[in-house]
Amino acid sequence: LTIRPLDWLVLFGNLSQTRTPMLGLRNADGSSPTAPWRATQYEGGVRVSPAKKLWVTLSTYRIEQENVPEADTATGYYTYDGRNTSRGVELSVSGDVTDNWTLMGMYGYNWYTDRNIAPGEKGRDFERYPAHTFSFSTSYRFDWGFMEDVVIGGNYRFRSMSYATMRGSYVDKDLRFNPSHIFDVNVSMPLSKFGGSKDWILTFGVRNLFGEKYFESARHYYECLVGEPRTFEIGIRATF
């Protein structure tokens, strides 16, 4: 639901629910679980435009998961009474500062709770996901001299420490992912700079400029996907 009472003000809210069948899972007696894995998300926020082409957005969310499969180490089967909550706040700024300068910045805070663990016990409240994430990207188009229509840009991504889990459960303080800092750069220019058509754009970019070693995601603490290494890209874009 989105309401725009003023040109510079937007109020919004969202309610969504996902139900996932327990395909391939079995109870101790060999039967299949009937209740679905259920996730319900609540979100609300506000967007404000302090300038003509610039927007600031602030939102808060809460995600409740029920009937989450959890391993029963005693029987070797799963139980389906897992419950957890994620809640957080997101702040973003995006748009044009000037006709030639564009930026987008985003900050997110997340707190996770395993509601199957008693309050005060280890493993109830912990950083299953990075508690703090931040990204900032910007680009600038030159409009003078030989640099006219050349666009340069950069991007920075940060994720704070998080713990590697076993089927979503806290394991040990030493099983964790360190914070990561990723930088990207890119430049684009029309081929007319080299005698070609202005309708063809040459692009060049480097992702993970400094070769940061990090983990992108993990299913369990022993099943981790490493982040992308330093990667070079070159391409041509055309309009017809």
Protein backbone atom coordinates (compact mmCIF):
# COMPACT_ATOMS: atom_id res chain seq x y z
CA LEU A 1 0.00 0.00 0.00
CA THR A 2 1.42 3.37 -1.06
CA ILE A 3 -0.02 6.80 -0.25
CA ARG A 4 1.37 10.05 -1.66
CA PRO A 5 -0.31 12.94 0.17
CA LEU A 6 2.22 15.46 -1.12
CA ASP A 7 4.52 15.60 -4.15
CA TRP A 8 7.56 15.27 -1.87
CA LEU A 9 6.14 12.73 0.59
CA VAL A 10 5.30 9.01 0.18
CA LEU A 11 4.02 6.66 2.90
CA PHE A 12 4.12 2.92 2.25
CA GLY A 13 3.48 -0.42 3.90
CA ASN A 14 3.79 -4.05 2.90
CA LEU A 15 2.48 -7.35 4.21
CA SER A 16 3.53 -10.61 2.56
CA GLN A 17 3.56 -14.29 3.42
CA THR A 18 5.42 -17.21 1.87
CA ARG A 19 4.45 -20.85 2.40
CA THR A 20 6.92 -23.55 1.37
CA PRO A 21 6.01 -27.26 1.31
CA MET A 22 8.39 -29.65 3.08
CA LEU A 23 9.35 -31.55 -0.07
CA GLY A 24 11.78 -34.42 0.48
CA LEU A 25 11.63 -34.29 4.29
CA ARG A 26 10.38 -37.15 6.46
CA ASN A 27 9.23 -37.60 10.04
CA ALA A 28 10.77 -40.31 12.25
CA ASP A 29 7.87 -42.65 11.34
CA GLY A 30 8.49 -42.14 7.60
CA SER A 31 5.52 -39.83 7.01
CA SER A 32 5.78 -36.44 5.32
CA PRO A 33 5.12 -33.25 7.30
CA THR A 34 1.85 -31.57 6.36
CA ALA A 35 2.32 -28.03 7.68
CA PRO A 36 4.28 -25.70 5.37
CA TRP A 37 7.31 -23.65 6.30
CA ARG A 38 5.77 -20.19 6.75
CA ALA A 39 7.40 -16.74 6.63
CA THR A 40 5.45 -13.52 7.22
CA GLN A 41 6.96 -10.09 6.57
CA TYR A 42 5.71 -6.73 7.84
CA GLU A 43 7.21 -3.50 6.51
CA GLY A 44 6.42 0.19 6.73
CA GLY A 45 8.20 3.38 5.89
CA VAL A 46 8.34 6.88 4.48
CA ARG A 47 10.02 8.52 1.47
CA VAL A 48 10.87 12.22 1.41
CA SER A 49 12.23 14.31 -1.46
CA PRO A 50 14.41 17.15 -0.13
CA ALA A 51 15.36 18.14 -3.69
CA LYS A 52 13.75 17.80 -7.12
CA LYS A 53 15.43 14.52 -8.12
CA LEU A 54 16.62 13.23 -4.75
CA TRP A 55 14.77 10.84 -2.44
CA VAL A 56 15.44 9.72 1.14
CA THR A 57 13.74 6.51 2.28
CA LEU A 58 13.43 5.16 5.83
CA SER A 59 11.72 1.84 6.53
CA THR A 60 11.46 -0.80 9.22
CA TYR A 61 10.63 -4.48 8.84
CA ARG A 62 9.96 -7.66 10.79
CA ILE A 63 10.05 -11.23 9.43
CA GLU A 64 8.51 -14.09 11.44
CA GLN A 65 9.26 -17.68 10.42
CA GLU A 66 7.26 -20.65 11.73
CA ASN A 67 7.48 -24.44 11.23
CA VAL A 68 11.14 -24.15 10.28
CA PRO A 69 12.82 -27.58 9.79
CA GLU A 70 15.42 -28.31 12.46
CA ALA A 71 17.67 -31.34 12.73
CA ASP A 72 17.09 -33.72 15.64
CA THR A 73 20.56 -35.09 16.33
CA ALA A 74 19.15 -37.83 18.59
CA THR A 75 17.02 -39.46 15.86
CA GLY A 76 18.72 -38.23 12.70
CA TYR A 77 15.40 -36.81 11.45
CA TYR A 78 13.96 -33.33 11.37
CA THR A 79 11.48 -31.60 13.64
CA TYR A 80 9.27 -28.81 12.33
CA ASP A 81 8.81 -26.47 15.24
CA GLY A 82 11.62 -24.00 14.50
CA ARG A 83 10.75 -20.34 15.04
CA ASN A 84 12.86 -17.27 14.39
CA THR A 85 12.52 -13.52 13.92
CA SER A 86 14.49 -10.99 11.91
CA ARG A 87 13.84 -7.28 12.32
CA GLY A 88 15.64 -4.20 11.23
CA VAL A 89 15.80 -0.73 9.76
CA GLU A 90 16.86 0.45 6.30
CA LEU A 91 17.87 3.96 5.22
CA SER A 92 18.63 4.97 1.64
CA VAL A 93 19.40 8.10 -0.37
CA SER A 94 19.15 8.02 -4.15
CA GLY A 95 18.83 10.38 -7.08
CA ASP A 96 20.59 13.24 -8.84
CA VAL A 97 22.59 15.77 -6.85
CA THR A 98 23.15 17.76 -10.06
CA ASP A 99 22.30 17.16 -13.72
CA ASN A 100 25.57 15.24 -14.09
CA TRP A 101 26.08 13.70 -10.66
CA THR A 102 24.07 10.68 -9.46
CA LEU A 103 24.41 8.81 -6.20
CA MET A 104 22.80 6.02 -4.19
CA GLY A 105 23.62 5.15 -0.60
CA MET A 106 22.01 2.43 1.53
CA TYR A 107 22.41 1.36 5.17
CA GLY A 108 20.71 -1.61 6.78
CA TYR A 109 20.58 -2.87 10.36
CA ASN A 110 19.32 -6.38 11.12
CA TRP A 111 18.85 -8.30 14.38
CA TYR A 112 18.11 -12.03 14.43
CA THR A 113 16.48 -14.11 17.19
CA ASP A 114 16.15 -17.90 17.39
CA ARG A 115 12.93 -18.13 19.39
CA ASN A 116 13.47 -21.82 20.17
CA ILE A 117 16.32 -20.80 22.48
CA ALA A 118 15.32 -19.52 25.92
CA PRO A 119 15.90 -15.80 26.64
CA GLY A 120 19.39 -15.15 27.96
CA GLU A 121 20.87 -18.36 26.59
CA LYS A 122 23.68 -18.40 24.03
CA GLY A 123 22.46 -18.73 20.46
CA ARG A 124 19.13 -16.90 20.89
CA ASP A 125 20.22 -13.43 19.71
CA PHE A 126 23.24 -13.46 17.40
CA GLU A 127 24.47 -12.20 14.04
CA ARG A 128 23.22 -14.98 11.79
CA TYR A 129 23.29 -12.31 9.08
CA PRO A 130 25.51 -9.20 9.08
CA ALA A 131 24.01 -6.77 11.59
CA HIS A 132 25.29 -3.81 9.58
CA THR A 133 25.41 -3.46 5.80
CA PHE A 134 26.29 -0.36 3.83
CA SER A 135 26.70 0.43 0.16
CA PHE A 136 27.41 3.62 -1.73
CA SER A 137 27.62 4.13 -5.48
CA THR A 138 28.05 7.27 -7.51
CA SER A 139 28.67 8.32 -11.10
CA TYR A 140 29.56 11.57 -12.80
CA ARG A 141 29.14 12.61 -16.46
CA PHE A 142 31.61 15.17 -17.76
CA ASP A 143 30.33 17.92 -20.04
CA TRP A 144 33.47 19.77 -21.07
CA GLY A 145 36.41 19.31 -23.45
CA PHE A 146 37.67 15.90 -24.49
CA MET A 147 35.96 14.35 -21.43
CA GLU A 148 32.49 15.36 -22.61
CA ASP A 149 30.00 12.46 -22.26
CA VAL A 150 32.54 10.31 -20.41
CA VAL A 151 31.02 8.76 -17.28
CA ILE A 152 33.09 7.54 -14.34
CA GLY A 153 31.65 5.71 -11.36
CA GLY A 154 32.49 3.83 -8.23
CA ASN A 155 30.85 1.58 -5.69
CA TYR A 156 31.63 0.54 -2.10
CA ARG A 157 29.99 -2.38 -0.23
CA PHE A 158 30.44 -3.25 3.43
CA ARG A 159 29.11 -6.14 5.51
CA SER A 160 29.86 -6.56 9.20
CA MET A 161 30.82 -9.79 10.92
CA SER A 162 28.34 -12.68 10.96
CA TYR A 163 28.39 -16.24 12.32
CA ALA A 164 28.44 -19.43 10.27
CA THR A 165 25.60 -21.67 11.42
CA MET A 166 24.56 -25.30 11.29
CA ARG A 167 21.03 -25.56 9.89
CA GLY A 168 20.46 -22.02 11.05
CA SER A 169 21.62 -22.62 14.62
CA TYR A 170 24.52 -20.93 16.40
CA VAL A 171 27.58 -23.20 16.68
CA ASP A 172 30.64 -21.42 18.06
CA LYS A 173 32.09 -17.91 18.36
CA ASP A 174 35.10 -18.96 16.26
CA LEU A 175 32.93 -20.01 13.29
CA ARG A 176 32.36 -16.58 11.82
CA PHE A 177 32.82 -14.49 8.70
CA ASN A 178 34.99 -11.40 9.04
CA PRO A 179 33.76 -7.98 7.87
CA SER A 180 34.25 -7.30 4.16
CA HIS A 181 34.99 -4.12 2.20
CA ILE A 182 34.43 -4.31 -1.58
CA PHE A 183 35.27 -1.53 -4.07
CA ASP A 184 34.20 -1.38 -7.73
CA VAL A 185 35.09 1.17 -10.41
CA ASN A 186 33.77 1.71 -13.93
CA VAL A 187 34.05 4.10 -16.86
CA SER A 188 32.09 4.48 -20.09
CA MET A 189 32.57 6.67 -23.14
CA PRO A 190 31.08 6.98 -26.64
CA LEU A 191 33.09 5.45 -29.48
CA SER A 192 32.96 8.85 -31.17
CA LYS A 193 36.00 9.67 -29.02
CA PHE A 194 37.90 7.28 -31.30
CA GLY A 195 36.22 8.19 -34.59
CA GLY A 196 33.24 5.83 -34.23
CA SER A 197 29.53 6.45 -33.77
CA LYS A 198 28.18 8.29 -30.75
CA ASP A 199 25.42 5.66 -30.55
CA TRP A 200 27.98 3.06 -29.44
CA ILE A 201 29.27 3.18 -25.86
CA LEU A 202 32.47 1.50 -24.67
CA THR A 203 32.42 0.37 -21.04
CA PHE A 204 35.16 -0.87 -18.73
CA GLY A 205 34.93 -1.89 -15.11
CA VAL A 206 36.75 -3.64 -12.29
CA ARG A 207 34.76 -5.37 -9.54
CA ASN A 208 36.43 -6.07 -6.18
CA LEU A 209 39.23 -3.72 -7.12
CA PHE A 210 41.52 -4.62 -4.22
CA GLY A 211 40.92 -8.38 -4.34
CA GLU A 212 39.15 -8.66 -0.98
CA LYS A 213 38.75 -12.28 0.17
CA TYR A 214 35.29 -12.84 1.62
CA PHE A 215 32.34 -15.22 1.76
CA GLU A 216 29.20 -14.33 -0.17
CA SER A 217 26.84 -16.74 1.60
CA ALA A 218 26.73 -20.04 3.49
CA ARG A 219 24.16 -22.83 3.85
CA HIS A 220 26.02 -24.47 6.74
CA TYR A 221 29.38 -23.59 8.26
CA TYR A 222 31.00 -26.20 6.01
CA GLU A 223 29.09 -25.18 2.84
CA CYS A 224 30.26 -21.65 2.05
CA LEU A 225 30.32 -19.74 -1.23
CA VAL A 226 33.38 -17.54 -1.61
CA GLY A 227 32.97 -14.00 -2.90
CA GLU A 228 33.88 -12.91 -6.38
CA PRO A 229 37.61 -12.21 -6.85
CA ARG A 230 38.97 -9.19 -8.70
CA THR A 231 37.09 -9.23 -12.02
CA PHE A 232 37.66 -7.14 -15.14
CA GLU A 233 34.83 -6.35 -17.56
CA ILE A 234 34.79 -4.71 -20.97
CA GLY A 235 31.75 -4.27 -23.15
CA ILE A 236 30.02 -2.32 -25.89
CA ARG A 237 26.49 -0.92 -25.63
CA ALA A 238 24.58 0.36 -28.65
CA THR A 239 21.31 2.20 -29.29
CA PHE A 240 19.32 1.72 -32.50
